[in-house]
PDB file of N, CA and C in Angstrom:
ATOM      1  N   MET A   1      -2.929 -31.212  35.346  1.00  0.00           N
ATOM      2  CA  MET A   1      -2.580 -30.004  35.208  1.00  0.00           C
ATOM      3  C   MET A   1      -1.730 -29.453  34.158  1.00  0.00           C
ATOM      4  N   LYS A   2      -0.656 -30.153  34.064  1.00  0.00           N
ATOM      5  CA  LYS A   2       0.196 -29.652  32.635  1.00  0.00           C
ATOM      6  C   LYS A   2      -0.391 -29.480  31.295  1.00  0.00           C
ATOM      7  N   LYS A   3      -1.098 -30.693  31.314  1.00  0.00           N
ATOM      8  CA  LYS A   3      -1.739 -30.880  30.193  1.00  0.00           C
ATOM      9  C   LYS A   3      -2.896 -29.763  29.924  1.00  0.00           C
ATOM     10  N   ARG A   4      -3.493 -29.420  30.854  1.00  0.00           N
ATOM     11  CA  ARG A   4      -4.375 -28.060  30.759  1.00  0.00           C
ATOM     12  C   ARG A   4      -3.663 -27.237  30.178  1.00  0.00           C
ATOM     13  N   MET A   5      -2.713 -26.935  31.230  1.00  0.00           N
ATOM     14  CA  MET A   5      -1.845 -25.524  30.728  1.00  0.00           C
ATOM     15  C   MET A   5      -1.303 -25.449  29.278  1.00  0.00           C
ATOM     16  N   ASN A   6      -1.024 -26.450  29.045  1.00  0.00           N
ATOM     17  CA  ASN A   6      -0.236 -26.474  27.645  1.00  0.00           C
ATOM     18  C   ASN A   6      -1.492 -26.038  26.701  1.00  0.00           C
ATOM     19  N   ILE A   7      -2.483 -26.754  26.834  1.00  0.00           N
ATOM     20  CA  ILE A   7      -3.738 -26.367  26.003  1.00  0.00           C
ATOM     21  C   ILE A   7      -4.065 -25.191  25.781  1.00  0.00           C
ATOM     22  N   GLY A   8      -4.203 -24.660  27.197  1.00  0.00           N
ATOM     23  CA  GLY A   8      -4.699 -23.328  27.108  1.00  0.00           C
ATOM     24  C   GLY A   8      -3.228 -21.926  26.783  1.00  0.00           C
ATOM     25  N   LEU A   9      -2.277 -22.641  26.780  1.00  0.00           N
ATOM     26  CA  LEU A   9      -1.140 -21.832  26.308  1.00  0.00           C
ATOM     27  C   LEU A   9      -1.296 -21.681  24.832  1.00  0.00           C
ATOM     28  N   ILE A  10      -1.204 -22.864  24.283  1.00  0.00           N
ATOM     29  CA  ILE A  10      -1.460 -22.814  22.971  1.00  0.00           C
ATOM     30  C   ILE A  10      -2.573 -22.221  22.252  1.00  0.00           C
ATOM     31  N   THR A  11      -3.688 -22.192  22.810  1.00  0.00           N
ATOM     32  CA  THR A  11      -5.068 -21.540  22.523  1.00  0.00           C
ATOM     33  C   THR A  11      -4.738 -20.093  22.413  1.00  0.00           C
ATOM     34  N   VAL A  12      -4.055 -19.798  23.231  1.00  0.00           N
ATOM     35  CA  VAL A  12      -3.747 -18.233  23.776  1.00  0.00           C
ATOM     36  C   VAL A  12      -3.100 -17.985  22.464  1.00  0.00           C
ATOM     37  N   CYS A  13      -1.628 -18.455  22.199  1.00  0.00           N
ATOM     38  CA  CYS A  13      -0.708 -18.487  21.597  1.00  0.00           C
ATOM     39  C   CYS A  13      -1.271 -18.170  20.059  1.00  0.00           C
ATOM     40  N   LEU A  14      -2.286 -19.249  19.440  1.00  0.00           N
ATOM     41  CA  LEU A  14      -2.829 -19.176  18.240  1.00  0.00           C
ATOM     42  C   LEU A  14      -3.582 -18.018  18.147  1.00  0.00           C
ATOM     43  N   LEU A  15      -4.519 -17.680  19.189  1.00  0.00           N
ATOM     44  CA  LEU A  15      -5.277 -16.373  19.251  1.00  0.00           C
ATOM     45  C   LEU A  15      -4.672 -15.099  18.894  1.00  0.00           C
ATOM     46  N   LEU A  16      -3.604 -15.014  19.568  1.00  0.00           N
ATOM     47  CA  LEU A  16      -2.534 -13.711  19.630  1.00  0.00           C
ATOM     48  C   LEU A  16      -2.363 -13.688  18.272  1.00  0.00           C
ATOM     49  N   VAL A  17      -1.727 -14.979  17.513  1.00  0.00           N
ATOM     50  CA  VAL A  17      -1.056 -15.027  16.435  1.00  0.00           C
ATOM     51  C   VAL A  17      -2.389 -14.590  15.419  1.00  0.00           C
ATOM     52  N   GLY A  18      -3.521 -14.999  15.372  1.00  0.00           N
ATOM     53  CA  GLY A  18      -4.685 -14.682  14.259  1.00  0.00           C
ATOM     54  C   GLY A  18      -5.079 -13.268  14.506  1.00  0.00           C
ATOM     55  N   ILE A  19      -4.958 -12.393  15.285  1.00  0.00           N
ATOM     56  CA  ILE A  19      -5.343 -11.139  16.107  1.00  0.00           C
ATOM     57  C   ILE A  19      -4.311 -10.535  15.208  1.00  0.00           C
ATOM     58  N   LEU A  20      -2.922 -10.527  15.299  1.00  0.00           N
ATOM     59  CA  LEU A  20      -1.920  -9.823  14.454  1.00  0.00           C
ATOM     60  C   LEU A  20      -2.046  -9.899  13.148  1.00  0.00           C
ATOM     61  N   PHE A  21      -2.453 -11.378  12.555  1.00  0.00           N
ATOM     62  CA  PHE A  21      -2.398 -11.488  11.073  1.00  0.00           C
ATOM     63  C   PHE A  21      -3.790 -10.615  10.614  1.00  0.00           C
ATOM     64  N   TYR A  22      -4.813 -10.502  11.542  1.00  0.00           N
ATOM     65  CA  TYR A  22      -5.855  -9.789  11.180  1.00  0.00           C
ATOM     66  C   TYR A  22      -5.541  -8.115  11.077  1.00  0.00           C
ATOM     67  N   LEU A  23      -4.809  -7.910  12.052  1.00  0.00           N
ATOM     68  CA  LEU A  23      -4.340  -6.364  12.010  1.00  0.00           C
ATOM     69  C   LEU A  23      -3.245  -5.969  11.019  1.00  0.00           C
ATOM     70  N   LEU A  24      -2.449  -6.745  10.555  1.00  0.00           N
ATOM     71  CA  LEU A  24      -1.850  -6.554   9.253  1.00  0.00           C
ATOM     72  C   LEU A  24      -2.391  -6.275   7.889  1.00  0.00           C
ATOM     73  N   ILE A  25      -3.682  -7.208   8.026  1.00  0.00           N
ATOM     74  CA  ILE A  25      -4.459  -6.985   6.694  1.00  0.00           C
ATOM     75  C   ILE A  25      -5.550  -5.900   6.735  1.00  0.00           C
ATOM     76  N   TYR A  26      -6.017  -5.780   8.072  1.00  0.00           N
ATOM     77  CA  TYR A  26      -6.776  -4.442   8.344  1.00  0.00           C
ATOM     78  C   TYR A  26      -6.344  -3.077   8.162  1.00  0.00           C
ATOM     79  N   GLN A  27      -4.929  -2.995   8.595  1.00  0.00           N
ATOM     80  CA  GLN A  27      -4.041  -1.680   8.562  1.00  0.00           C
ATOM     81  C   GLN A  27      -3.409  -1.543   7.367  1.00  0.00           C
ATOM     82  N   PHE A  28      -3.641  -2.376   6.134  1.00  0.00           N
ATOM     83  CA  PHE A  28      -3.080  -2.023   4.850  1.00  0.00           C
ATOM     84  C   PHE A  28      -3.650  -0.999   4.182  1.00  0.00           C
ATOM     85  N   ILE A  29      -2.971   0.205   3.837  1.00  0.00           N
ATOM     86  CA  ILE A  29      -3.630   1.342   3.280  1.00  0.00           C
ATOM     87  C   ILE A  29      -2.751   1.831   2.059  1.00  0.00           C
ATOM     88  N   VAL A  30      -3.920   1.914   1.044  1.00  0.00           N
ATOM     89  CA  VAL A  30      -3.573   2.391  -0.434  1.00  0.00           C
ATOM     90  C   VAL A  30      -4.595   3.522  -0.697  1.00  0.00           C
ATOM     91  N   LEU A  31      -4.028   4.768  -1.537  1.00  0.00           N
ATOM     92  CA  LEU A  31      -4.786   5.513  -1.922  1.00  0.00           C
ATOM     93  C   LEU A  31      -5.071   5.348  -3.437  1.00  0.00           C
ATOM     94  N   ASP A  32      -6.246   5.572  -3.928  1.00  0.00           N
ATOM     95  CA  ASP A  32      -6.649   5.166  -5.128  1.00  0.00           C
ATOM     96  C   ASP A  32      -6.475   6.222  -6.240  1.00  0.00           C
ATOM     97  N   THR A  33      -6.676   6.167  -7.598  1.00  0.00           N
ATOM     98  CA  THR A  33      -6.282   7.432  -8.273  1.00  0.00           C
ATOM     99  C   THR A  33      -7.059   8.850  -8.020  1.00  0.00           C
ATOM    100  N   ASP A  34      -8.153   8.460  -7.146  1.00  0.00           N
ATOM    101  CA  ASP A  34      -9.192   9.641  -6.943  1.00  0.00           C
ATOM    102  C   ASP A  34      -8.488  10.300  -5.363  1.00  0.00           C
ATOM    103  N   GLY A  35      -7.562   9.757  -4.966  1.00  0.00           N
ATOM    104  CA  GLY A  35      -7.143  10.128  -3.535  1.00  0.00           C
ATOM    105  C   GLY A  35      -7.924   9.522  -2.378  1.00  0.00           C
ATOM    106  N   LYS A  36      -8.890   8.560  -2.813  1.00  0.00           N
ATOM    107  CA  LYS A  36      -9.629   8.014  -1.825  1.00  0.00           C
ATOM    108  C   LYS A  36      -8.697   6.964  -1.067  1.00  0.00           C
ATOM    109  N   GLN A  37      -8.822   6.810   0.411  1.00  0.00           N
ATOM    110  CA  GLN A  37      -8.213   5.797   1.057  1.00  0.00           C
ATOM    111  C   GLN A  37      -8.677   4.717   0.934  1.00  0.00           C
ATOM    112  N   LEU A  38      -8.251   3.469   0.845  1.00  0.00           N
ATOM    113  CA  LEU A  38      -8.661   2.210   1.045  1.00  0.00           C
ATOM    114  C   LEU A  38      -7.703   1.431   2.017  1.00  0.00           C
ATOM    115  N   ASN A  39      -8.637   0.480   2.754  1.00  0.00           N
ATOM    116  CA  ASN A  39      -7.762  -0.454   3.567  1.00  0.00           C
ATOM    117  C   ASN A  39      -8.420  -1.828   3.489  1.00  0.00           C
ATOM    118  N   GLY A  40      -7.477  -2.406   4.098  1.00  0.00           N
ATOM    119  CA  GLY A  40      -7.792  -4.062   4.242  1.00  0.00           C
ATOM    120  C   GLY A  40      -7.804  -4.805   3.287  1.00  0.00           C
ATOM    121  N   THR A  41      -8.659  -5.617   2.682  1.00  0.00           N
ATOM    122  CA  THR A  41      -8.441  -6.700   1.607  1.00  0.00           C
ATOM    123  C   THR A  41      -8.688  -5.809   0.270  1.00  0.00           C
ATOM    124  N   ALA A  42      -9.354  -4.834   0.411  1.00  0.00           N
ATOM    125  CA  ALA A  42      -9.747  -3.812  -1.006  1.00  0.00           C
ATOM    126  C   ALA A  42      -8.252  -3.269  -1.161  1.00  0.00           C
ATOM    127  N   ALA A  43      -7.549  -2.582  -0.498  1.00  0.00           N
ATOM    128  CA  ALA A  43      -6.559  -2.014  -0.662  1.00  0.00           C
ATOM    129  C   ALA A  43      -5.466  -3.264  -1.140  1.00  0.00           C
ATOM    130  N   ILE A  44      -5.398  -4.237  -0.617  1.00  0.00           N
ATOM    131  CA  ILE A  44      -4.405  -5.421  -0.940  1.00  0.00           C
ATOM    132  C   ILE A  44      -4.756  -5.708  -2.354  1.00  0.00           C
ATOM    133  N   THR A  45      -5.854  -5.779  -2.907  1.00  0.00           N
ATOM    134  CA  THR A  45      -6.339  -6.197  -4.261  1.00  0.00           C
ATOM    135  C   THR A  45      -6.018  -4.694  -5.043  1.00  0.00           C
ATOM    136  N   MET A  46      -6.223  -3.721  -4.855  1.00  0.00           N
ATOM    137  CA  MET A  46      -5.908  -2.738  -5.729  1.00  0.00           C
ATOM    138  C   MET A  46      -4.258  -2.839  -5.726  1.00  0.00           C
ATOM    139  N   ASN A  47      -3.470  -3.041  -4.525  1.00  0.00           N
ATOM    140  CA  ASN A  47      -2.113  -2.733  -4.762  1.00  0.00           C
ATOM    141  C   ASN A  47      -1.653  -3.835  -5.762  1.00  0.00           C
ATOM    142  N   ARG A  48      -2.345  -5.208  -5.478  1.00  0.00           N
ATOM    143  CA  ARG A  48      -1.774  -6.374  -6.442  1.00  0.00           C
ATOM    144  C   ARG A  48      -1.997  -5.982  -8.018  1.00  0.00           C
ATOM    145  N   GLU A  49      -3.203  -5.370  -8.226  1.00  0.00           N
ATOM    146  CA  GLU A  49      -3.423  -4.922  -9.625  1.00  0.00           C
ATOM    147  C   GLU A  49      -2.155  -3.732  -9.952  1.00  0.00           C
ATOM    148  N   PHE A  50      -2.121  -3.093  -9.220  1.00  0.00           N
ATOM    149  CA  PHE A  50      -0.985  -1.909  -9.665  1.00  0.00           C
ATOM    150  C   PHE A  50       0.198  -2.445  -9.804  1.00  0.00           C
ATOM    151  N   VAL A  51       0.826  -3.483  -8.839  1.00  0.00           N
ATOM    152  CA  VAL A  51       2.070  -4.159  -9.403  1.00  0.00           C
ATOM    153  C   VAL A  51       2.129  -4.916 -10.312  1.00  0.00           C
ATOM    154  N   ASN A  52       0.903  -5.786 -10.701  1.00  0.00           N
ATOM    155  CA  ASN A  52       0.725  -6.360 -12.094  1.00  0.00           C
ATOM    156  C   ASN A  52       0.801  -5.426 -13.262  1.00  0.00           C
ATOM    157  N   THR A  53       0.196  -3.961 -13.166  1.00  0.00           N
ATOM    158  CA  THR A  53       0.579  -3.325 -14.414  1.00  0.00           C
ATOM    159  C   THR A  53       1.809  -3.056 -14.821  1.00  0.00           C
ATOM    160  N   ARG A  54       2.883  -2.951 -13.864  1.00  0.00           N
ATOM    161  CA  ARG A  54       4.176  -2.612 -13.757  1.00  0.00           C
ATOM    162  C   ARG A  54       4.965  -3.798 -13.747  1.00  0.00           C
ATOM    163  N   ALA A  55       4.786  -5.193 -13.807  1.00  0.00           N
ATOM    164  CA  ALA A  55       5.324  -6.077 -13.783  1.00  0.00           C
ATOM    165  C   ALA A  55       6.034  -6.472 -14.913  1.00  0.00           C
ATOM    166  N   GLY A  56       7.180  -7.104 -15.044  1.00  0.00           N
ATOM    167  CA  GLY A  56       7.750  -7.315 -16.398  1.00  0.00           C
ATOM    168  C   GLY A  56       9.029  -6.986 -16.216  1.00  0.00           C
ATOM    169  N   ARG A  57       9.503  -7.480 -17.533  1.00  0.00           N
ATOM    170  CA  ARG A  57      11.061  -7.011 -17.592  1.00  0.00           C
ATOM    171  C   ARG A  57      11.367  -5.017 -17.819  1.00  0.00           C
ATOM    172  N   LEU A  58      12.226  -4.814 -17.000  1.00  0.00           N
ATOM    173  CA  LEU A  58      12.661  -3.493 -17.184  1.00  0.00           C
ATOM    174  C   LEU A  58      13.440  -3.001 -18.420  1.00  0.00           C
ATOM    175  N   THR A  59      12.439  -1.964 -19.406  1.00  0.00           N
ATOM    176  CA  THR A  59      13.645  -1.911 -20.815  1.00  0.00           C
ATOM    177  C   THR A  59      13.749  -0.390 -20.830  1.00  0.00           C
ATOM    178  N   ASP A  60      14.387   0.032 -21.864  1.00  0.00           N
ATOM    179  CA  ASP A  60      14.843   1.409 -21.804  1.00  0.00           C
ATOM    180  C   ASP A  60      13.451   2.102 -22.548  1.00  0.00           C
ATOM    181  N   GLU A  61      12.535   1.272 -23.303  1.00  0.00           N
ATOM    182  CA  GLU A  61      11.588   1.963 -23.498  1.00  0.00           C
ATOM    183  C   GLU A  61      10.451   2.452 -22.380  1.00  0.00           C
ATOM    184  N   LYS A  62      10.341   1.104 -21.511  1.00  0.00           N
ATOM    185  CA  LYS A  62       9.470   1.521 -20.368  1.00  0.00           C
ATOM    186  C   LYS A  62       9.993   2.616 -19.554  1.00  0.00           C
ATOM    187  N   ILE A  63      11.482   2.769 -19.521  1.00  0.00           N
ATOM    188  CA  ILE A  63      11.888   3.831 -18.406  1.00  0.00           C
ATOM    189  C   ILE A  63      11.670   5.160 -19.038  1.00  0.00           C
ATOM    190  N   CYS A  64      11.958   5.214 -20.434  1.00  0.00           N
ATOM    191  CA  CYS A  64      11.550   6.625 -21.206  1.00  0.00           C
ATOM    192  C   CYS A  64      10.163   6.978 -21.156  1.00  0.00           C
ATOM    193  N   ALA A  65       9.310   5.702 -21.099  1.00  0.00           N
ATOM    194  CA  ALA A  65       7.774   6.416 -20.964  1.00  0.00           C
ATOM    195  C   ALA A  65       7.316   6.734 -19.634  1.00  0.00           C
ATOM    196  N   ASP A  66       8.088   6.194 -18.536  1.00  0.00           N
ATOM    197  CA  ASP A  66       7.626   6.593 -17.255  1.00  0.00           C
ATOM    198  C   ASP A  66       8.242   7.857 -17.107  1.00  0.00           C
ATOM    199  N   ILE A  67       9.580   8.164 -17.444  1.00  0.00           N
ATOM    200  CA  ILE A  67      10.167   9.478 -17.625  1.00  0.00           C
ATOM    201  C   ILE A  67       9.256  10.669 -17.677  1.00  0.00           C
ATOM    202  N   ALA A  68       8.745  10.133 -19.015  1.00  0.00           N
ATOM    203  CA  ALA A  68       7.912  11.131 -19.680  1.00  0.00           C
ATOM    204  C   ALA A  68       6.703  11.503 -19.156  1.00  0.00           C
ATOM    205  N   ALA A  69       5.885  10.459 -18.653  1.00  0.00           N
ATOM    206  CA  ALA A  69       4.892  10.601 -18.177  1.00  0.00           C
ATOM    207  C   ALA A  69       5.216  11.375 -16.544  1.00  0.00           C
ATOM    208  N   TYR A  70       6.118  11.089 -15.909  1.00  0.00           N
ATOM    209  CA  TYR A  70       6.310  12.136 -14.922  1.00  0.00           C
ATOM    210  C   TYR A  70       6.589  13.346 -14.924  1.00  0.00           C
ATOM    211  N   GLN A  71       7.303  13.571 -16.328  1.00  0.00           N
ATOM    212  CA  GLN A  71       7.676  14.820 -16.550  1.00  0.00           C
ATOM    213  C   GLN A  71       6.412  15.702 -16.882  1.00  0.00           C
ATOM    214  N   ALA A  72       5.630  15.078 -17.485  1.00  0.00           N
ATOM    215  CA  ALA A  72       4.021  15.542 -18.320  1.00  0.00           C
ATOM    216  C   ALA A  72       3.439  16.151 -16.888  1.00  0.00           C
ATOM    217  N   LEU A  73       3.409  15.141 -15.545  1.00  0.00           N
ATOM    218  CA  LEU A  73       2.597  15.582 -14.670  1.00  0.00           C
ATOM    219  C   LEU A  73       3.251  16.806 -13.539  1.00  0.00           C
ATOM    220  N   LEU A  74       4.605  16.470 -13.739  1.00  0.00           N
ATOM    221  CA  LEU A  74       5.276  17.638 -13.405  1.00  0.00           C
ATOM    222  C   LEU A  74       5.199  19.050 -13.760  1.00  0.00           C
ATOM    223  N   HIS A  75       5.021  19.110 -14.938  1.00  0.00           N
ATOM    224  CA  HIS A  75       4.733  20.524 -15.852  1.00  0.00           C
ATOM    225  C   HIS A  75       3.574  20.869 -16.008  1.00  0.00           C
ATOM    226  N   ASP A  76       2.350  20.221 -15.405  1.00  0.00           N
ATOM    227  CA  ASP A  76       1.290  20.705 -15.428  1.00  0.00           C
ATOM    228  C   ASP A  76       1.118  21.324 -14.188  1.00  0.00           C
ATOM    229  N   PRO A  77       0.654  22.430 -14.077  1.00  0.00           N
ATOM    230  CA  PRO A  77       0.391  23.591 -13.054  1.00  0.00           C
ATOM    231  C   PRO A  77      -0.817  22.993 -12.076  1.00  0.00           C
ATOM    232  N   GLU A  78      -1.606  22.067 -12.224  1.00  0.00           N
ATOM    233  CA  GLU A  78      -2.457  21.847 -11.367  1.00  0.00           C
ATOM    234  C   GLU A  78      -1.943  20.895 -10.585  1.00  0.00           C
ATOM    235  N   ASN A  79      -0.874  19.986 -11.019  1.00  0.00           N
ATOM    236  CA  ASN A  79      -0.297  18.958 -10.029  1.00  0.00           C
ATOM    237  C   ASN A  79       1.018  19.426  -9.162  1.00  0.00           C
ATOM    238  N   VAL A  80       1.229  20.853  -9.219  1.00  0.00           N
ATOM    239  CA  VAL A  80       2.165  21.382  -8.772  1.00  0.00           C
ATOM    240  C   VAL A  80       1.534  22.352  -7.364  1.00  0.00           C
ATOM    241  N   SER A  81       1.934  21.707  -6.027  1.00  0.00           N
ATOM    242  CA  SER A  81       1.522  22.835  -5.188  1.00  0.00           C
ATOM    243  C   SER A  81       2.027  24.010  -4.761  1.00  0.00           C
ATOM    244  N   LYS A  82       1.558  24.997  -4.647  1.00  0.00           N
ATOM    245  CA  LYS A  82       1.885  26.292  -4.346  1.00  0.00           C
ATOM    246  C   LYS A  82       2.444  26.354  -2.659  1.00  0.00           C
ATOM    247  N   ASP A  83       3.575  27.041  -2.525  1.00  0.00           N
ATOM    248  CA  ASP A  83       4.113  27.280  -1.036  1.00  0.00           C
ATOM    249  C   ASP A  83       3.335  28.401  -0.761  1.00  0.00           C
ATOM    250  N   THR A  84       2.492  28.380   0.189  1.00  0.00           N
ATOM    251  CA  THR A  84       1.588  29.679   0.552  1.00  0.00           C
ATOM    252  C   THR A  84       2.455  30.078   1.929  1.00  0.00           C
ATOM    253  N   THR A  85       3.463  29.392   2.341  1.00  0.00           N
ATOM    254  CA  THR A  85       4.344  30.078   3.491  1.00  0.00           C
ATOM    255  C   THR A  85       5.180  31.214   3.209  1.00  0.00           C
ATOM    256  N   LYS A  86       5.873  31.327   2.139  1.00  0.00           N
ATOM    257  CA  LYS A  86       6.731  32.160   1.807  1.00  0.00           C
ATOM    258  C   LYS A  86       5.912  33.737   1.520  1.00  0.00           C
ATOM    259  N   LYS A  87       6.578  34.800   2.070  1.00  0.00           N
ATOM    260  CA  LYS A  87       6.383  36.113   1.516  1.00  0.00           C
ATOM    261  C   LYS A  87       6.800  36.742   0.254  1.00  0.00           C
ATOM    262  N   HIS A  88       5.899  37.066  -0.124  1.00  0.00           N
ATOM    263  CA  HIS A  88       6.616  37.685  -1.448  1.00  0.00           C
ATOM    264  C   HIS A  88       6.728  39.308  -1.623  1.00  0.00           C
TER     265      HIS A  88
END
């Protein structure tokens, strides 16, 4: 009796662990450059590629380039949302 119960309990625990790991992968969400939402293994792959493009030593040149790119995006009127809740 104890042996069957132990085997059943271990089987149920392994099944639950498998389900939890699957949910972690399935619920991983990333937005691509077009704003399309990806999830699952495709999102994990895209996230790894993005991290690899930013990998390496942090230098003054990288910081200056990132700040310049951010400021260029911020100063582009198409990238700034307009607040429509204010009354003029």
